[in-house]
Amino acid sequence: MNVDEPFDCLPEEGTDRTRVMPGDLLHYAEAWDAQALEAFRHYDKVDQPLAHLIRPEFHEKVNIAARNHLLVDSIRAIYFDRSSMTAAK
């Protein structure tokens, strides 16, 4: 999600995007948060064979999203601002 360089991709259904850009995470955060929240609506209704891979410190956040239909963190929270590395040098 935190790509350094743009790269070309095949468009997915519902989009005509053919290029992934370093700022996409910030640009699309609102839409991607909404998609994640919609998926969490079904979390407790279908088998979750990969649930054991969720690290323990994230269990409560997953439960809140699934049961309360609320994201505790936006996908923006994982954005890494590389300009801060340049400034620190």
C-alpha atoms as a PDB file:
ATOM      1  CA  MET A   1       0.000   0.000   0.000  1.00  0.00           C
ATOM      2  CA  ASN A   2       2.915   2.356   0.610  1.00  0.00           C
ATOM      3  CA  VAL A   3       4.527   2.098  -2.797  1.00  0.00           C
ATOM      4  CA  ASP A   4       7.661   4.076  -3.565  1.00  0.00           C
ATOM      5  CA  GLU A   5       7.267   4.262  -7.323  1.00  0.00           C
ATOM      6  CA  PRO A   6       4.207   4.376  -9.566  1.00  0.00           C
ATOM      7  CA  PHE A   7       3.449   1.197 -11.495  1.00  0.00           C
ATOM      8  CA  ASP A   8       0.987   0.119 -14.156  1.00  0.00           C
ATOM      9  CA  CYS A   9      -1.807  -2.321 -13.377  1.00  0.00           C
ATOM     10  CA  LEU A  10      -4.852  -3.852 -14.991  1.00  0.00           C
ATOM     11  CA  PRO A  11      -8.085  -2.040 -14.101  1.00  0.00           C
ATOM     12  CA  GLU A  12     -10.370  -3.819 -11.666  1.00  0.00           C
ATOM     13  CA  GLU A  13     -14.111  -4.023 -12.087  1.00  0.00           C
ATOM     14  CA  GLY A  14     -15.716  -0.655 -11.395  1.00  0.00           C
ATOM     15  CA  THR A  15     -12.611   1.407 -12.094  1.00  0.00           C
ATOM     16  CA  ASP A  16     -10.576   2.510 -15.058  1.00  0.00           C
ATOM     17  CA  ARG A  17      -7.387   3.081 -13.059  1.00  0.00           C
ATOM     18  CA  THR A  18      -4.350   1.609 -14.776  1.00  0.00           C
ATOM     19  CA  ARG A  19      -1.644   3.170 -12.611  1.00  0.00           C
ATOM     20  CA  VAL A  20      -0.902   2.798  -8.906  1.00  0.00           C
ATOM     21  CA  MET A  21       0.590   5.928  -7.377  1.00  0.00           C
ATOM     22  CA  PRO A  22       2.479   6.526  -4.107  1.00  0.00           C
ATOM     23  CA  GLY A  23      -0.264   8.856  -2.802  1.00  0.00           C
ATOM     24  CA  ASP A  24      -3.172   6.521  -3.588  1.00  0.00           C
ATOM     25  CA  LEU A  25      -3.549   5.435   0.020  1.00  0.00           C
ATOM     26  CA  LEU A  26      -4.333   9.004   1.064  1.00  0.00           C
ATOM     27  CA  HIS A  27      -6.306   9.842  -2.055  1.00  0.00           C
ATOM     28  CA  TYR A  28      -8.610   6.792  -1.839  1.00  0.00           C
ATOM     29  CA  ALA A  29      -8.702   6.347   1.954  1.00  0.00           C
ATOM     30  CA  GLU A  30     -12.322   7.420   2.349  1.00  0.00           C
ATOM     31  CA  ALA A  31     -13.565   5.058  -0.374  1.00  0.00           C
ATOM     32  CA  TRP A  32     -11.397   2.163   0.817  1.00  0.00           C
ATOM     33  CA  ASP A  33     -12.516   2.676   4.423  1.00  0.00           C
ATOM     34  CA  ALA A  34     -16.134   2.474   3.251  1.00  0.00           C
ATOM     35  CA  GLN A  35     -15.414  -0.737   1.324  1.00  0.00           C
ATOM     36  CA  ALA A  36     -13.696  -2.286   4.348  1.00  0.00           C
ATOM     37  CA  LEU A  37     -16.581  -1.335   6.614  1.00  0.00           C
ATOM     38  CA  GLU A  38     -19.052  -2.901   4.183  1.00  0.00           C
ATOM     39  CA  ALA A  39     -17.020  -6.123   4.175  1.00  0.00           C
ATOM     40  CA  PHE A  40     -16.939  -6.169   7.996  1.00  0.00           C
ATOM     41  CA  ARG A  41     -20.758  -6.196   7.992  1.00  0.00           C
ATOM     42  CA  HIS A  42     -20.464  -9.820   6.850  1.00  0.00           C
ATOM     43  CA  TYR A  43     -17.573 -10.855   9.097  1.00  0.00           C
ATOM     44  CA  ASP A  44     -19.664 -12.668  11.716  1.00  0.00           C
ATOM     45  CA  LYS A  45     -21.991 -14.153   9.114  1.00  0.00           C
ATOM     46  CA  VAL A  46     -19.487 -16.203   7.115  1.00  0.00           C
ATOM     47  CA  ASP A  47     -16.712 -18.622   8.008  1.00  0.00           C
ATOM     48  CA  GLN A  48     -13.372 -16.892   8.624  1.00  0.00           C
ATOM     49  CA  PRO A  49     -10.732 -19.574   7.997  1.00  0.00           C
ATOM     50  CA  LEU A  50      -7.922 -16.988   8.202  1.00  0.00           C
ATOM     51  CA  ALA A  51      -9.107 -15.377  11.444  1.00  0.00           C
ATOM     52  CA  HIS A  52      -6.318 -17.139  13.344  1.00  0.00           C
ATOM     53  CA  LEU A  53      -3.858 -14.949  11.436  1.00  0.00           C
ATOM     54  CA  ILE A  54      -5.214 -11.748  12.998  1.00  0.00           C
ATOM     55  CA  ARG A  55      -2.717 -10.619  15.589  1.00  0.00           C
ATOM     56  CA  PRO A  56      -4.166 -10.499  19.133  1.00  0.00           C
ATOM     57  CA  GLU A  57      -3.719  -6.742  19.458  1.00  0.00           C
ATOM     58  CA  PHE A  58      -6.133  -6.248  16.546  1.00  0.00           C
ATOM     59  CA  HIS A  59      -8.935  -8.583  17.694  1.00  0.00           C
ATOM     60  CA  GLU A  60     -10.870  -5.827  19.464  1.00  0.00           C
ATOM     61  CA  LYS A  61     -10.679  -3.505  16.440  1.00  0.00           C
ATOM     62  CA  VAL A  62     -11.982  -6.276  14.173  1.00  0.00           C
ATOM     63  CA  ASN A  63     -14.818  -7.003  16.609  1.00  0.00           C
ATOM     64  CA  ILE A  64     -15.782  -3.319  16.801  1.00  0.00           C
ATOM     65  CA  ALA A  65     -15.832  -3.051  13.008  1.00  0.00           C
ATOM     66  CA  ALA A  66     -17.893  -6.233  12.658  1.00  0.00           C
ATOM     67  CA  ARG A  67     -20.365  -5.660  15.479  1.00  0.00           C
ATOM     68  CA  ASN A  68     -20.621  -1.875  15.729  1.00  0.00           C
ATOM     69  CA  HIS A  69     -20.018  -1.072  12.054  1.00  0.00           C
ATOM     70  CA  LEU A  70     -17.308   1.369  13.029  1.00  0.00           C
ATOM     71  CA  LEU A  71     -13.703   1.511  11.913  1.00  0.00           C
ATOM     72  CA  VAL A  72     -11.437   2.364  14.821  1.00  0.00           C
ATOM     73  CA  ASP A  73      -8.641   3.351  12.427  1.00  0.00           C
ATOM     74  CA  SER A  74      -8.743   4.621   8.880  1.00  0.00           C
ATOM     75  CA  ILE A  75      -6.507   3.010   6.300  1.00  0.00           C
ATOM     76  CA  ARG A  76      -4.723   6.376   6.459  1.00  0.00           C
ATOM     77  CA  ALA A  77      -3.166   5.148   9.714  1.00  0.00           C
ATOM     78  CA  ILE A  78      -0.797   2.875   7.771  1.00  0.00           C
ATOM     79  CA  TYR A  79       0.423   5.622   5.439  1.00  0.00           C
ATOM     80  CA  PHE A  80       4.161   6.136   5.658  1.00  0.00           C
ATOM     81  CA  ASP A  81       5.328   9.643   4.809  1.00  0.00           C
ATOM     82  CA  ARG A  82       8.739   9.154   3.247  1.00  0.00           C
ATOM     83  CA  SER A  83       9.430  12.886   3.253  1.00  0.00           C
ATOM     84  CA  SER A  84       9.900  12.641   7.028  1.00  0.00           C
ATOM     85  CA  MET A  85      12.871  10.332   6.392  1.00  0.00           C
ATOM     86  CA  THR A  86      14.500  12.895   4.113  1.00  0.00           C
ATOM     87  CA  ALA A  87      13.964  15.671   6.655  1.00  0.00           C
ATOM     88  CA  ALA A  88      15.513  13.574   9.427  1.00  0.00           C
ATOM     89  CA  LYS A  89      18.815  13.059   7.575  1.00  0.00           C
END
